[in-house]
PDB file of N, CA and C in Angstrom:
ATOM      1  N   MET A   1       0.827  -1.190   0.000  1.00  0.00           N
ATOM      2  CA  MET A   1       0.000   0.000   0.000  1.00  0.00           C
ATOM      3  C   MET A   1       0.871   1.254   0.000  1.00  0.00           C
ATOM      4  N   LEU A   2       1.944   1.216   0.756  1.00  0.00           N
ATOM      5  CA  LEU A   2       2.833   2.379   0.815  1.00  0.00           C
ATOM      6  C   LEU A   2       3.519   2.619  -0.527  1.00  0.00           C
ATOM      7  N   ILE A   3       3.952   1.551  -1.170  1.00  0.00           N
ATOM      8  CA  ILE A   3       4.636   1.674  -2.451  1.00  0.00           C
ATOM      9  C   ILE A   3       3.703   2.260  -3.503  1.00  0.00           C
ATOM     10  N   LYS A   4       2.438   1.899  -3.440  1.00  0.00           N
ATOM     11  CA  LYS A   4       1.468   2.382  -4.427  1.00  0.00           C
ATOM     12  C   LYS A   4       0.896   3.747  -4.061  1.00  0.00           C
ATOM     13  N   GLY A   5       1.347   4.328  -2.941  1.00  0.00           N
ATOM     14  CA  GLY A   5       0.894   5.655  -2.566  1.00  0.00           C
ATOM     15  C   GLY A   5      -0.515   5.711  -2.005  1.00  0.00           C
ATOM     16  N   GLN A   6      -1.003   4.607  -1.498  1.00  0.00           N
ATOM     17  CA  GLN A   6      -2.348   4.595  -0.937  1.00  0.00           C
ATOM     18  C   GLN A   6      -2.354   5.185   0.465  1.00  0.00           C
ATOM     19  N   ASP A   7      -3.521   5.546   0.921  1.00  0.00           N
ATOM     20  CA  ASP A   7      -3.704   6.181   2.224  1.00  0.00           C
ATOM     21  C   ASP A   7      -3.268   5.238   3.349  1.00  0.00           C
ATOM     22  N   VAL A   8      -2.284   5.667   4.141  1.00  0.00           N
ATOM     23  CA  VAL A   8      -1.761   4.812   5.206  1.00  0.00           C
ATOM     24  C   VAL A   8      -2.755   4.622   6.347  1.00  0.00           C
ATOM     25  N   THR A   9      -3.790   5.429   6.413  1.00  0.00           N
ATOM     26  CA  THR A   9      -4.797   5.224   7.466  1.00  0.00           C
ATOM     27  C   THR A   9      -5.610   3.955   7.211  1.00  0.00           C
ATOM     28  N   ASN A  10      -5.479   3.368   6.022  1.00  0.00           N
ATOM     29  CA  ASN A  10      -6.150   2.106   5.727  1.00  0.00           C
ATOM     30  C   ASN A  10      -5.425   0.908   6.321  1.00  0.00           C
ATOM     31  N   ILE A  11      -4.221   1.112   6.838  1.00  0.00           N
ATOM     32  CA  ILE A  11      -3.480   0.039   7.502  1.00  0.00           C
ATOM     33  C   ILE A  11      -3.935  -0.005   8.954  1.00  0.00           C
ATOM     34  N   LYS A  12      -4.458  -1.127   9.368  1.00  0.00           N
ATOM     35  CA  LYS A  12      -5.003  -1.281  10.723  1.00  0.00           C
ATOM     36  C   LYS A  12      -4.128  -2.232  11.523  1.00  0.00           C
ATOM     37  N   LEU A  13      -3.860  -1.874  12.752  1.00  0.00           N
ATOM     38  CA  LEU A  13      -3.069  -2.719  13.638  1.00  0.00           C
ATOM     39  C   LEU A  13      -3.990  -3.503  14.560  1.00  0.00           C
ATOM     40  N   GLY A  14      -3.664  -4.750  14.821  1.00  0.00           N
ATOM     41  CA  GLY A  14      -4.450  -5.553  15.747  1.00  0.00           C
ATOM     42  C   GLY A  14      -4.797  -6.903  15.163  1.00  0.00           C
ATOM     43  N   ASN A  15      -5.617  -7.633  15.882  1.00  0.00           N
ATOM     44  CA  ASN A  15      -6.047  -8.965  15.488  1.00  0.00           C
ATOM     45  C   ASN A  15      -7.366  -8.841  14.720  1.00  0.00           C
ATOM     46  N   THR A  16      -7.331  -9.098  13.444  1.00  0.00           N
ATOM     47  CA  THR A  16      -8.512  -8.933  12.602  1.00  0.00           C
ATOM     48  C   THR A  16      -9.636  -9.899  12.977  1.00  0.00           C
ATOM     49  N   LEU A  17      -9.310 -11.028  13.604  1.00  0.00           N
ATOM     50  CA  LEU A  17     -10.350 -11.985  13.971  1.00  0.00           C
ATOM     51  C   LEU A  17     -11.155 -11.521  15.181  1.00  0.00           C
ATOM     52  N   SER A  18     -10.482 -10.945  16.165  1.00  0.00           N
ATOM     53  CA  SER A  18     -11.191 -10.520  17.375  1.00  0.00           C
ATOM     54  C   SER A  18     -11.645  -9.073  17.317  1.00  0.00           C
ATOM     55  N   ASN A  19     -11.058  -8.267  16.420  1.00  0.00           N
ATOM     56  CA  ASN A  19     -11.395  -6.853  16.335  1.00  0.00           C
ATOM     57  C   ASN A  19     -11.389  -6.427  14.873  1.00  0.00           C
ATOM     58  N   ASP A  20     -12.500  -6.647  14.198  1.00  0.00           N
ATOM     59  CA  ASP A  20     -12.612  -6.312  12.782  1.00  0.00           C
ATOM     60  C   ASP A  20     -12.725  -4.797  12.635  1.00  0.00           C
ATOM     61  N   GLN A  21     -11.636  -4.167  12.248  1.00  0.00           N
ATOM     62  CA  GLN A  21     -11.619  -2.716  12.115  1.00  0.00           C
ATOM     63  C   GLN A  21     -12.133  -2.247  10.755  1.00  0.00           C
ATOM     64  N   LEU A  22     -12.516  -3.196   9.927  1.00  0.00           N
ATOM     65  CA  LEU A  22     -13.123  -2.873   8.639  1.00  0.00           C
ATOM     66  C   LEU A  22     -14.521  -3.485   8.568  1.00  0.00           C
ATOM     67  N   ALA A  23     -15.279  -3.311   9.633  1.00  0.00           N
ATOM     68  CA  ALA A  23     -16.628  -3.875   9.704  1.00  0.00           C
ATOM     69  C   ALA A  23     -17.621  -2.915   9.058  1.00  0.00           C
ATOM     70  N   GLY A  24     -18.655  -3.463   8.509  1.00  0.00           N
ATOM     71  CA  GLY A  24     -19.720  -2.655   7.946  1.00  0.00           C
ATOM     72  C   GLY A  24     -19.858  -2.847   6.447  1.00  0.00           C
ATOM     73  N   PRO A  25     -21.023  -2.537   5.932  1.00  0.00           N
ATOM     74  CA  PRO A  25     -21.295  -2.760   4.506  1.00  0.00           C
ATOM     75  C   PRO A  25     -20.454  -1.891   3.573  1.00  0.00           C
ATOM     76  N   GLU A  26     -19.886  -0.804   4.088  1.00  0.00           N
ATOM     77  CA  GLU A  26     -19.045   0.042   3.235  1.00  0.00           C
ATOM     78  C   GLU A  26     -17.682  -0.592   2.962  1.00  0.00           C
ATOM     79  N   TYR A  27     -17.350  -1.629   3.692  1.00  0.00           N
ATOM     80  CA  TYR A  27     -16.066  -2.313   3.506  1.00  0.00           C
ATOM     81  C   TYR A  27     -16.259  -3.610   2.739  1.00  0.00           C
ATOM     82  N   ARG A  28     -16.466  -3.481   1.447  1.00  0.00           N
ATOM     83  CA  ARG A  28     -16.543  -4.614   0.529  1.00  0.00           C
ATOM     84  C   ARG A  28     -15.472  -4.383  -0.522  1.00  0.00           C
ATOM     85  N   PHE A  29     -14.836  -5.456  -0.970  1.00  0.00           N
ATOM     86  CA  PHE A  29     -13.673  -5.302  -1.822  1.00  0.00           C
ATOM     87  C   PHE A  29     -13.777  -6.149  -3.085  1.00  0.00           C
ATOM     88  N   ASP A  30     -13.110  -5.689  -4.143  1.00  0.00           N
ATOM     89  CA  ASP A  30     -13.081  -6.420  -5.410  1.00  0.00           C
ATOM     90  C   ASP A  30     -12.121  -7.597  -5.354  1.00  0.00           C
ATOM     91  N   PHE A  31     -10.933  -7.360  -4.780  1.00  0.00           N
ATOM     92  CA  PHE A  31      -9.887  -8.376  -4.707  1.00  0.00           C
ATOM     93  C   PHE A  31      -9.328  -8.434  -3.292  1.00  0.00           C
ATOM     94  N   MET A  32      -9.081  -9.660  -2.807  1.00  0.00           N
ATOM     95  CA  MET A  32      -8.486  -9.849  -1.484  1.00  0.00           C
ATOM     96  C   MET A  32      -7.449 -10.955  -1.559  1.00  0.00           C
ATOM     97  N   LEU A  33      -6.307 -10.715  -0.966  1.00  0.00           N
ATOM     98  CA  LEU A  33      -5.238 -11.701  -0.885  1.00  0.00           C
ATOM     99  C   LEU A  33      -4.874 -11.903   0.573  1.00  0.00           C
ATOM    100  N   SER A  34      -4.615 -13.149   0.956  1.00  0.00           N
ATOM    101  CA  SER A  34      -4.282 -13.422   2.347  1.00  0.00           C
ATOM    102  C   SER A  34      -3.365 -14.632   2.447  1.00  0.00           C
ATOM    103  N   ASN A  35      -2.458 -14.560   3.385  1.00  0.00           N
ATOM    104  CA  ASN A  35      -1.571 -15.669   3.708  1.00  0.00           C
ATOM    105  C   ASN A  35      -1.615 -15.822   5.229  1.00  0.00           C
ATOM    106  N   PRO A  36      -2.727 -16.384   5.749  1.00  0.00           N
ATOM    107  CA  PRO A  36      -2.857 -16.488   7.203  1.00  0.00           C
ATOM    108  C   PRO A  36      -1.872 -17.504   7.774  1.00  0.00           C
ATOM    109  N   PRO A  37      -1.590 -17.402   9.061  1.00  0.00           N
ATOM    110  CA  PRO A  37      -0.668 -18.357   9.683  1.00  0.00           C
ATOM    111  C   PRO A  37      -1.278 -19.759   9.685  1.00  0.00           C
ATOM    112  N   PHE A  38      -0.458 -20.752   9.372  1.00  0.00           N
ATOM    113  CA  PHE A  38      -0.925 -22.141   9.334  1.00  0.00           C
ATOM    114  C   PHE A  38      -0.967 -22.724  10.737  1.00  0.00           C
ATOM    115  N   GLY A  39      -2.058 -23.403  11.054  1.00  0.00           N
ATOM    116  CA  GLY A  39      -2.153 -24.174  12.279  1.00  0.00           C
ATOM    117  C   GLY A  39      -2.019 -23.385  13.568  1.00  0.00           C
ATOM    118  N   VAL A  40      -2.340 -22.103  13.535  1.00  0.00           N
ATOM    119  CA  VAL A  40      -2.229 -21.286  14.742  1.00  0.00           C
ATOM    120  C   VAL A  40      -3.541 -21.358  15.508  1.00  0.00           C
ATOM    121  N   GLU A  41      -3.446 -21.631  16.788  1.00  0.00           N
ATOM    122  CA  GLU A  41      -4.668 -21.712  17.586  1.00  0.00           C
ATOM    123  C   GLU A  41      -5.206 -20.316  17.870  1.00  0.00           C
ATOM    124  N   TRP A  42      -6.518 -20.255  18.074  1.00  0.00           N
ATOM    125  CA  TRP A  42      -7.178 -18.976  18.313  1.00  0.00           C
ATOM    126  C   TRP A  42      -7.815 -18.928  19.701  1.00  0.00           C
ATOM    127  N   LYS A  43      -7.220 -19.673  20.624  1.00  0.00           N
ATOM    128  CA  LYS A  43      -7.752 -19.759  21.983  1.00  0.00           C
ATOM    129  C   LYS A  43      -7.779 -18.394  22.685  1.00  0.00           C
ATOM    130  N   LYS A  44      -6.772 -17.536  22.430  1.00  0.00           N
ATOM    131  CA  LYS A  44      -6.698 -16.234  23.100  1.00  0.00           C
ATOM    132  C   LYS A  44      -7.864 -15.326  22.727  1.00  0.00           C
ATOM    133  N   VAL A  45      -8.447 -15.533  21.564  1.00  0.00           N
ATOM    134  CA  VAL A  45      -9.563 -14.685  21.115  1.00  0.00           C
ATOM    135  C   VAL A  45     -10.852 -15.490  20.973  1.00  0.00           C
ATOM    136  N   GLN A  46     -10.883 -16.656  21.596  1.00  0.00           N
ATOM    137  CA  GLN A  46     -12.031 -17.558  21.460  1.00  0.00           C
ATOM    138  C   GLN A  46     -13.333 -16.909  21.928  1.00  0.00           C
ATOM    139  N   LYS A  47     -13.293 -16.172  23.010  1.00  0.00           N
ATOM    140  CA  LYS A  47     -14.523 -15.556  23.530  1.00  0.00           C
ATOM    141  C   LYS A  47     -15.107 -14.564  22.531  1.00  0.00           C
ATOM    142  N   GLN A  48     -14.281 -13.688  21.982  1.00  0.00           N
ATOM    143  CA  GLN A  48     -14.782 -12.690  21.034  1.00  0.00           C
ATOM    144  C   GLN A  48     -15.362 -13.353  19.784  1.00  0.00           C
ATOM    145  N   ILE A  49     -14.676 -14.364  19.270  1.00  0.00           N
ATOM    146  CA  ILE A  49     -15.138 -15.040  18.064  1.00  0.00           C
ATOM    147  C   ILE A  49     -16.407 -15.838  18.336  1.00  0.00           C
ATOM    148  N   SER A  50     -16.431 -16.569  19.448  1.00  0.00           N
ATOM    149  CA  SER A  50     -17.623 -17.339  19.807  1.00  0.00           C
ATOM    150  C   SER A  50     -18.815 -16.423  20.051  1.00  0.00           C
ATOM    151  N   ASP A  51     -18.582 -15.286  20.698  1.00  0.00           N
ATOM    152  CA  ASP A  51     -19.665 -14.329  20.932  1.00  0.00           C
ATOM    153  C   ASP A  51     -20.224 -13.800  19.616  1.00  0.00           C
ATOM    154  N   GLU A  52     -19.341 -13.452  18.677  1.00  0.00           N
ATOM    155  CA  GLU A  52     -19.823 -12.971  17.373  1.00  0.00           C
ATOM    156  C   GLU A  52     -20.618 -14.057  16.661  1.00  0.00           C
ATOM    157  N   HIS A  53     -20.123 -15.278  16.716  1.00  0.00           N
ATOM    158  CA  HIS A  53     -20.818 -16.409  16.078  1.00  0.00           C
ATOM    159  C   HIS A  53     -22.222 -16.580  16.678  1.00  0.00           C
ATOM    160  N   THR A  54     -22.310 -16.527  18.006  1.00  0.00           N
ATOM    161  CA  THR A  54     -23.589 -16.746  18.691  1.00  0.00           C
ATOM    162  C   THR A  54     -24.539 -15.564  18.502  1.00  0.00           C
ATOM    163  N   GLU A  55     -24.036 -14.359  18.668  1.00  0.00           N
ATOM    164  CA  GLU A  55     -24.892 -13.174  18.644  1.00  0.00           C
ATOM    165  C   GLU A  55     -25.313 -12.751  17.239  1.00  0.00           C
ATOM    166  N   LYS A  56     -24.403 -12.845  16.271  1.00  0.00           N
ATOM    167  CA  LYS A  56     -24.702 -12.337  14.932  1.00  0.00           C
ATOM    168  C   LYS A  56     -25.073 -13.419  13.936  1.00  0.00           C
ATOM    169  N   GLY A  57     -24.675 -14.656  14.201  1.00  0.00           N
ATOM    170  CA  GLY A  57     -24.969 -15.739  13.261  1.00  0.00           C
ATOM    171  C   GLY A  57     -24.479 -15.409  11.867  1.00  0.00           C
ATOM    172  N   PHE A  58     -25.328 -15.616  10.861  1.00  0.00           N
ATOM    173  CA  PHE A  58     -24.942 -15.363   9.473  1.00  0.00           C
ATOM    174  C   PHE A  58     -24.882 -13.877   9.140  1.00  0.00           C
ATOM    175  N   ASN A  59     -25.310 -13.018  10.042  1.00  0.00           N
ATOM    176  CA  ASN A  59     -25.134 -11.577   9.848  1.00  0.00           C
ATOM    177  C   ASN A  59     -23.734 -11.137  10.254  1.00  0.00           C
ATOM    178  N   GLY A  60     -22.968 -12.029  10.848  1.00  0.00           N
ATOM    179  CA  GLY A  60     -21.580 -11.763  11.220  1.00  0.00           C
ATOM    180  C   GLY A  60     -20.649 -12.521  10.292  1.00  0.00           C
ATOM    181  N   ARG A  61     -19.409 -12.619  10.683  1.00  0.00           N
ATOM    182  CA  ARG A  61     -18.411 -13.275   9.830  1.00  0.00           C
ATOM    183  C   ARG A  61     -18.359 -14.777  10.009  1.00  0.00           C
ATOM    184  N   PHE A  62     -18.801 -15.289  11.152  1.00  0.00           N
ATOM    185  CA  PHE A  62     -18.564 -16.694  11.476  1.00  0.00           C
ATOM    186  C   PHE A  62     -19.852 -17.508  11.598  1.00  0.00           C
ATOM    187  N   GLY A  63     -20.885 -17.120  10.866  1.00  0.00           N
ATOM    188  CA  GLY A  63     -22.179 -17.787  10.922  1.00  0.00           C
ATOM    189  C   GLY A  63     -22.169 -19.266  10.600  1.00  0.00           C
ATOM    190  N   PRO A  64     -21.437 -19.707   9.572  1.00  0.00           N
ATOM    191  CA  PRO A  64     -21.492 -21.118   9.190  1.00  0.00           C
ATOM    192  C   PRO A  64     -21.008 -22.081  10.263  1.00  0.00           C
ATOM    193  N   GLY A  65     -20.097 -21.652  11.118  1.00  0.00           N
ATOM    194  CA  GLY A  65     -19.562 -22.524  12.151  1.00  0.00           C
ATOM    195  C   GLY A  65     -18.180 -22.097  12.566  1.00  0.00           C
ATOM    196  N   LEU A  66     -17.667 -22.775  13.571  1.00  0.00           N
ATOM    197  CA  LEU A  66     -16.335 -22.472  14.079  1.00  0.00           C
ATOM    198  C   LEU A  66     -15.461 -23.714  13.993  1.00  0.00           C
ATOM    199  N   PRO A  67     -14.246 -23.559  13.472  1.00  0.00           N
ATOM    200  CA  PRO A  67     -13.331 -24.702  13.414  1.00  0.00           C
ATOM    201  C   PRO A  67     -12.763 -24.994  14.799  1.00  0.00           C
ATOM    202  N   ARG A  68     -12.035 -26.077  14.912  1.00  0.00           N
ATOM    203  CA  ARG A  68     -11.392 -26.395  16.188  1.00  0.00           C
ATOM    204  C   ARG A  68     -10.416 -25.284  16.559  1.00  0.00           C
ATOM    205  N   VAL A  69     -10.218 -25.093  17.834  1.00  0.00           N
ATOM    206  CA  VAL A  69      -9.401 -24.002  18.353  1.00  0.00           C
ATOM    207  C   VAL A  69      -7.933 -24.140  17.935  1.00  0.00           C
ATOM    208  N   SER A  70      -7.511 -25.315  17.567  1.00  0.00           N
ATOM    209  CA  SER A  70      -6.104 -25.533  17.237  1.00  0.00           C
ATOM    210  C   SER A  70      -5.705 -25.014  15.846  1.00  0.00           C
ATOM    211  N   ASP A  71      -6.674 -24.639  14.997  1.00  0.00           N
ATOM    212  CA  ASP A  71      -6.341 -24.141  13.659  1.00  0.00           C
ATOM    213  C   ASP A  71      -7.378 -23.114  13.210  1.00  0.00           C
ATOM    214  N   GLY A  72      -6.962 -21.872  13.112  1.00  0.00           N
ATOM    215  CA  GLY A  72      -7.874 -20.784  12.759  1.00  0.00           C
ATOM    216  C   GLY A  72      -7.881 -20.411  11.289  1.00  0.00           C
ATOM    217  N   SER A  73      -7.297 -21.236  10.422  1.00  0.00           N
ATOM    218  CA  SER A  73      -7.217 -20.899   9.000  1.00  0.00           C
ATOM    219  C   SER A  73      -8.580 -20.601   8.384  1.00  0.00           C
ATOM    220  N   LEU A  74      -9.570 -21.417   8.716  1.00  0.00           N
ATOM    221  CA  LEU A  74     -10.892 -21.206   8.135  1.00  0.00           C
ATOM    222  C   LEU A  74     -11.556 -19.929   8.651  1.00  0.00           C
ATOM    223  N   LEU A  75     -11.154 -19.460   9.824  1.00  0.00           N
ATOM    224  CA  LEU A  75     -11.684 -18.181  10.313  1.00  0.00           C
ATOM    225  C   LEU A  75     -11.230 -17.039   9.412  1.00  0.00           C
ATOM    226  N   PHE A  76      -9.971 -17.094   8.959  1.00  0.00           N
ATOM    227  CA  PHE A  76      -9.483 -16.068   8.043  1.00  0.00           C
ATOM    228  C   PHE A  76     -10.241 -16.122   6.719  1.00  0.00           C
ATOM    229  N   LEU A  77     -10.529 -17.334   6.250  1.00  0.00           N
ATOM    230  CA  LEU A  77     -11.282 -17.471   5.008  1.00  0.00           C
ATOM    231  C   LEU A  77     -12.685 -16.897   5.170  1.00  0.00           C
ATOM    232  N   LEU A  78     -13.360 -17.213   6.268  1.00  0.00           N
ATOM    233  CA  LEU A  78     -14.699 -16.660   6.510  1.00  0.00           C
ATOM    234  C   LEU A  78     -14.653 -15.141   6.613  1.00  0.00           C
ATOM    235  N   HIS A  79     -13.597 -14.615   7.212  1.00  0.00           N
ATOM    236  CA  HIS A  79     -13.429 -13.164   7.318  1.00  0.00           C
ATOM    237  C   HIS A  79     -13.397 -12.543   5.920  1.00  0.00           C
ATOM    238  N   LEU A  80     -12.619 -13.148   5.010  1.00  0.00           N
ATOM    239  CA  LEU A  80     -12.553 -12.629   3.653  1.00  0.00           C
ATOM    240  C   LEU A  80     -13.888 -12.749   2.937  1.00  0.00           C
ATOM    241  N   VAL A  81     -14.550 -13.875   3.095  1.00  0.00           N
ATOM    242  CA  VAL A  81     -15.850 -14.079   2.445  1.00  0.00           C
ATOM    243  C   VAL A  81     -16.845 -13.009   2.898  1.00  0.00           C
ATOM    244  N   SER A  82     -16.754 -12.602   4.154  1.00  0.00           N
ATOM    245  CA  SER A  82     -17.681 -11.578   4.667  1.00  0.00           C
ATOM    246  C   SER A  82     -17.445 -10.212   4.029  1.00  0.00           C
ATOM    247  N   LYS A  83     -16.290 -10.023   3.399  1.00  0.00           N
ATOM    248  CA  LYS A  83     -15.944  -8.744   2.768  1.00  0.00           C
ATOM    249  C   LYS A  83     -16.206  -8.743   1.265  1.00  0.00           C
ATOM    250  N   MET A  84     -16.781  -9.825   0.751  1.00  0.00           N
ATOM    251  CA  MET A  84     -17.034  -9.912  -0.688  1.00  0.00           C
ATOM    252  C   MET A  84     -18.207  -9.028  -1.099  1.00  0.00           C
ATOM    253  N   ARG A  85     -18.103  -8.471  -2.291  1.00  0.00           N
ATOM    254  CA  ARG A  85     -19.206  -7.703  -2.866  1.00  0.00           C
ATOM    255  C   ARG A  85     -20.299  -8.676  -3.330  1.00  0.00           C
ATOM    256  N   ASP A  86     -21.514  -8.204  -3.305  1.00  0.00           N
ATOM    257  CA  ASP A  86     -22.643  -8.972  -3.809  1.00  0.00           C
ATOM    258  C   ASP A  86     -22.417  -9.237  -5.305  1.00  0.00           C
ATOM    259  N   PRO A  87     -22.750 -10.443  -5.786  1.00  0.00           N
ATOM    260  CA  PRO A  87     -22.573 -10.722  -7.219  1.00  0.00           C
ATOM    261  C   PRO A  87     -23.298  -9.725  -8.121  1.00  0.00           C
ATOM    262  N   ARG A  88     -24.419  -9.165  -7.658  1.00  0.00           N
ATOM    263  CA  ARG A  88     -25.146  -8.169  -8.457  1.00  0.00           C
ATOM    264  C   ARG A  88     -24.376  -6.850  -8.558  1.00  0.00           C
ATOM    265  N   GLU A  89     -23.353  -6.711  -7.697  1.00  0.00           N
ATOM    266  CA  GLU A  89     -22.507  -5.510  -7.730  1.00  0.00           C
ATOM    267  C   GLU A  89     -21.140  -5.825  -8.343  1.00  0.00           C
ATOM    268  N   GLY A  90     -21.024  -6.953  -9.000  1.00  0.00           N
ATOM    269  CA  GLY A  90     -19.778  -7.322  -9.651  1.00  0.00           C
ATOM    270  C   GLY A  90     -18.998  -8.418  -8.951  1.00  0.00           C
ATOM    271  N   GLY A  91     -19.372  -8.750  -7.723  1.00  0.00           N
ATOM    272  CA  GLY A  91     -18.710  -9.823  -7.007  1.00  0.00           C
ATOM    273  C   GLY A  91     -17.289  -9.489  -6.605  1.00  0.00           C
ATOM    274  N   SER A  92     -16.574 -10.472  -6.113  1.00  0.00           N
ATOM    275  CA  SER A  92     -15.199 -10.314  -5.634  1.00  0.00           C
ATOM    276  C   SER A  92     -14.388 -11.545  -5.996  1.00  0.00           C
ATOM    277  N   ARG A  93     -13.082 -11.399  -5.877  1.00  0.00           N
ATOM    278  CA  ARG A  93     -12.157 -12.508  -6.058  1.00  0.00           C
ATOM    279  C   ARG A  93     -11.271 -12.586  -4.820  1.00  0.00           C
ATOM    280  N   ILE A  94     -11.053 -13.814  -4.347  1.00  0.00           N
ATOM    281  CA  ILE A  94     -10.223 -14.039  -3.165  1.00  0.00           C
ATOM    282  C   ILE A  94      -9.088 -14.989  -3.535  1.00  0.00           C
ATOM    283  N   GLY A  95      -7.900 -14.660  -3.069  1.00  0.00           N
ATOM    284  CA  GLY A  95      -6.761 -15.568  -3.154  1.00  0.00           C
ATOM    285  C   GLY A  95      -6.253 -15.778  -1.737  1.00  0.00           C
ATOM    286  N   ILE A  96      -6.261 -17.023  -1.273  1.00  0.00           N
ATOM    287  CA  ILE A  96      -5.814 -17.310   0.092  1.00  0.00           C
ATOM    288  C   ILE A  96      -4.952 -18.565   0.068  1.00  0.00           C
ATOM    289  N   ILE A  97      -3.855 -18.517   0.793  1.00  0.00           N
ATOM    290  CA  ILE A  97      -2.948 -19.662   0.871  1.00  0.00           C
ATOM    291  C   ILE A  97      -3.281 -20.444   2.137  1.00  0.00           C
ATOM    292  N   LEU A  98      -3.649 -21.703   1.967  1.00  0.00           N
ATOM    293  CA  LEU A  98      -3.957 -22.582   3.098  1.00  0.00           C
ATOM    294  C   LEU A  98      -3.173 -23.880   2.935  1.00  0.00           C
ATOM    295  N   ASN A  99      -2.849 -24.518   4.058  1.00  0.00           N
ATOM    296  CA  ASN A  99      -2.285 -25.861   3.945  1.00  0.00           C
ATOM    297  C   ASN A  99      -3.460 -26.826   3.746  1.00  0.00           C
ATOM    298  N   GLY A 100      -3.209 -28.090   3.661  1.00  0.00           N
ATOM    299  CA  GLY A 100      -4.278 -29.047   3.386  1.00  0.00           C
ATOM    300  C   GLY A 100      -5.240 -29.267   4.537  1.00  0.00           C
ATOM    301  N   SER A 101      -4.871 -28.862   5.730  1.00  0.00           N
ATOM    302  CA  SER A 101      -5.666 -29.139   6.914  1.00  0.00           C
ATOM    303  C   SER A 101      -7.128 -28.684   6.808  1.00  0.00           C
ATOM    304  N   PRO A 102      -7.422 -27.464   6.383  1.00  0.00           N
ATOM    305  CA  PRO A 102      -8.820 -27.032   6.321  1.00  0.00           C
ATOM    306  C   PRO A 102      -9.669 -27.825   5.332  1.00  0.00           C
ATOM    307  N   LEU A 103      -9.020 -28.483   4.394  1.00  0.00           N
ATOM    308  CA  LEU A 103      -9.777 -29.248   3.407  1.00  0.00           C
ATOM    309  C   LEU A 103     -10.266 -30.587   3.942  1.00  0.00           C
ATOM    310  N   PHE A 104      -9.563 -31.133   4.933  1.00  0.00           N
ATOM    311  CA  PHE A 104      -9.845 -32.506   5.325  1.00  0.00           C
ATOM    312  C   PHE A 104     -10.166 -32.717   6.800  1.00  0.00           C
ATOM    313  N   THR A 105      -9.856 -31.770   7.679  1.00  0.00           N
ATOM    314  CA  THR A 105     -10.094 -32.003   9.106  1.00  0.00           C
ATOM    315  C   THR A 105     -11.559 -31.832   9.442  1.00  0.00           C
ATOM    316  N   GLY A 106     -11.964 -32.470  10.515  1.00  0.00           N
ATOM    317  CA  GLY A 106     -13.333 -32.354  11.004  1.00  0.00           C
ATOM    318  C   GLY A 106     -14.287 -33.281  10.294  1.00  0.00           C
ATOM    319  N   GLY A 107     -14.962 -34.093  11.083  1.00  0.00           N
ATOM    320  CA  GLY A 107     -15.938 -35.016  10.525  1.00  0.00           C
ATOM    321  C   GLY A 107     -17.235 -34.309  10.166  1.00  0.00           C
ATOM    322  N   ALA A 108     -18.159 -35.085   9.595  1.00  0.00           N
ATOM    323  CA  ALA A 108     -19.457 -34.537   9.203  1.00  0.00           C
ATOM    324  C   ALA A 108     -20.142 -33.873  10.392  1.00  0.00           C
ATOM    325  N   GLY A 109     -20.639 -32.682  10.191  1.00  0.00           N
ATOM    326  CA  GLY A 109     -21.320 -31.947  11.247  1.00  0.00           C
ATOM    327  C   GLY A 109     -20.403 -31.102  12.110  1.00  0.00           C
ATOM    328  N   SER A 110     -19.094 -31.236  11.925  1.00  0.00           N
ATOM    329  CA  SER A 110     -18.160 -30.422  12.698  1.00  0.00           C
ATOM    330  C   SER A 110     -18.157 -28.996  12.154  1.00  0.00           C
ATOM    331  N   GLY A 111     -17.514 -28.102  12.880  1.00  0.00           N
ATOM    332  CA  GLY A 111     -17.420 -26.717  12.428  1.00  0.00           C
ATOM    333  C   GLY A 111     -16.752 -26.613  11.071  1.00  0.00           C
ATOM    334  N   GLU A 112     -15.654 -27.360  10.890  1.00  0.00           N
ATOM    335  CA  GLU A 112     -14.949 -27.329   9.617  1.00  0.00           C
ATOM    336  C   GLU A 112     -15.837 -27.817   8.482  1.00  0.00           C
ATOM    337  N   SER A 113     -16.562 -28.909   8.728  1.00  0.00           N
ATOM    338  CA  SER A 113     -17.449 -29.476   7.721  1.00  0.00           C
ATOM    339  C   SER A 113     -18.561 -28.499   7.350  1.00  0.00           C
ATOM    340  N   GLU A 114     -19.129 -27.829   8.338  1.00  0.00           N
ATOM    341  CA  GLU A 114     -20.199 -26.875   8.080  1.00  0.00           C
ATOM    342  C   GLU A 114     -19.694 -25.652   7.313  1.00  0.00           C
ATOM    343  N   ILE A 115     -18.468 -25.232   7.582  1.00  0.00           N
ATOM    344  CA  ILE A 115     -17.882 -24.120   6.845  1.00  0.00           C
ATOM    345  C   ILE A 115     -17.684 -24.519   5.387  1.00  0.00           C
ATOM    346  N   ARG A 116     -17.146 -25.710   5.149  1.00  0.00           N
ATOM    347  CA  ARG A 116     -16.958 -26.175   3.765  1.00  0.00           C
ATOM    348  C   ARG A 116     -18.286 -26.285   3.050  1.00  0.00           C
ATOM    349  N   ARG A 117     -19.310 -26.790   3.724  1.00  0.00           N
ATOM    350  CA  ARG A 117     -20.639 -26.906   3.135  1.00  0.00           C
ATOM    351  C   ARG A 117     -21.169 -25.529   2.733  1.00  0.00           C
ATOM    352  N   TYR A 118     -21.000 -24.558   3.600  1.00  0.00           N
ATOM    353  CA  TYR A 118     -21.446 -23.193   3.333  1.00  0.00           C
ATOM    354  C   TYR A 118     -20.719 -22.613   2.120  1.00  0.00           C
ATOM    355  N   LEU A 119     -19.415 -22.819   2.033  1.00  0.00           N
ATOM    356  CA  LEU A 119     -18.656 -22.271   0.923  1.00  0.00           C
ATOM    357  C   LEU A 119     -19.052 -22.881  -0.414  1.00  0.00           C
ATOM    358  N   LEU A 120     -19.318 -24.179  -0.401  1.00  0.00           N
ATOM    359  CA  LEU A 120     -19.717 -24.847  -1.650  1.00  0.00           C
ATOM    360  C   LEU A 120     -21.152 -24.545  -1.982  1.00  0.00           C
TER     361      LEU A 120
END
């Protein structure tokens, strides 16, 4: 962003999972790229994420479900999906680097499985 001369106030410091500083319908994007940490647990922010899931449901970022606390990769993916433009407004494109874990962990009915079901 700095190299391209964009407004530096758009750079936000903090944990995007527990404190979404780009919340609201005005924050929808055409393109998003992410390289979240692999296999990092989200236990330190579990209360904030669980509260958002329970209180906001599908009106929040984590409506489809919550993955196991030992790997938050799918939380980053859900965060990006929540920032997508409506297809009637041109839609969005997401590029995210994940290891194989989010594709295969969690049995039927688990948080991971429900997230995959929602995405498909």
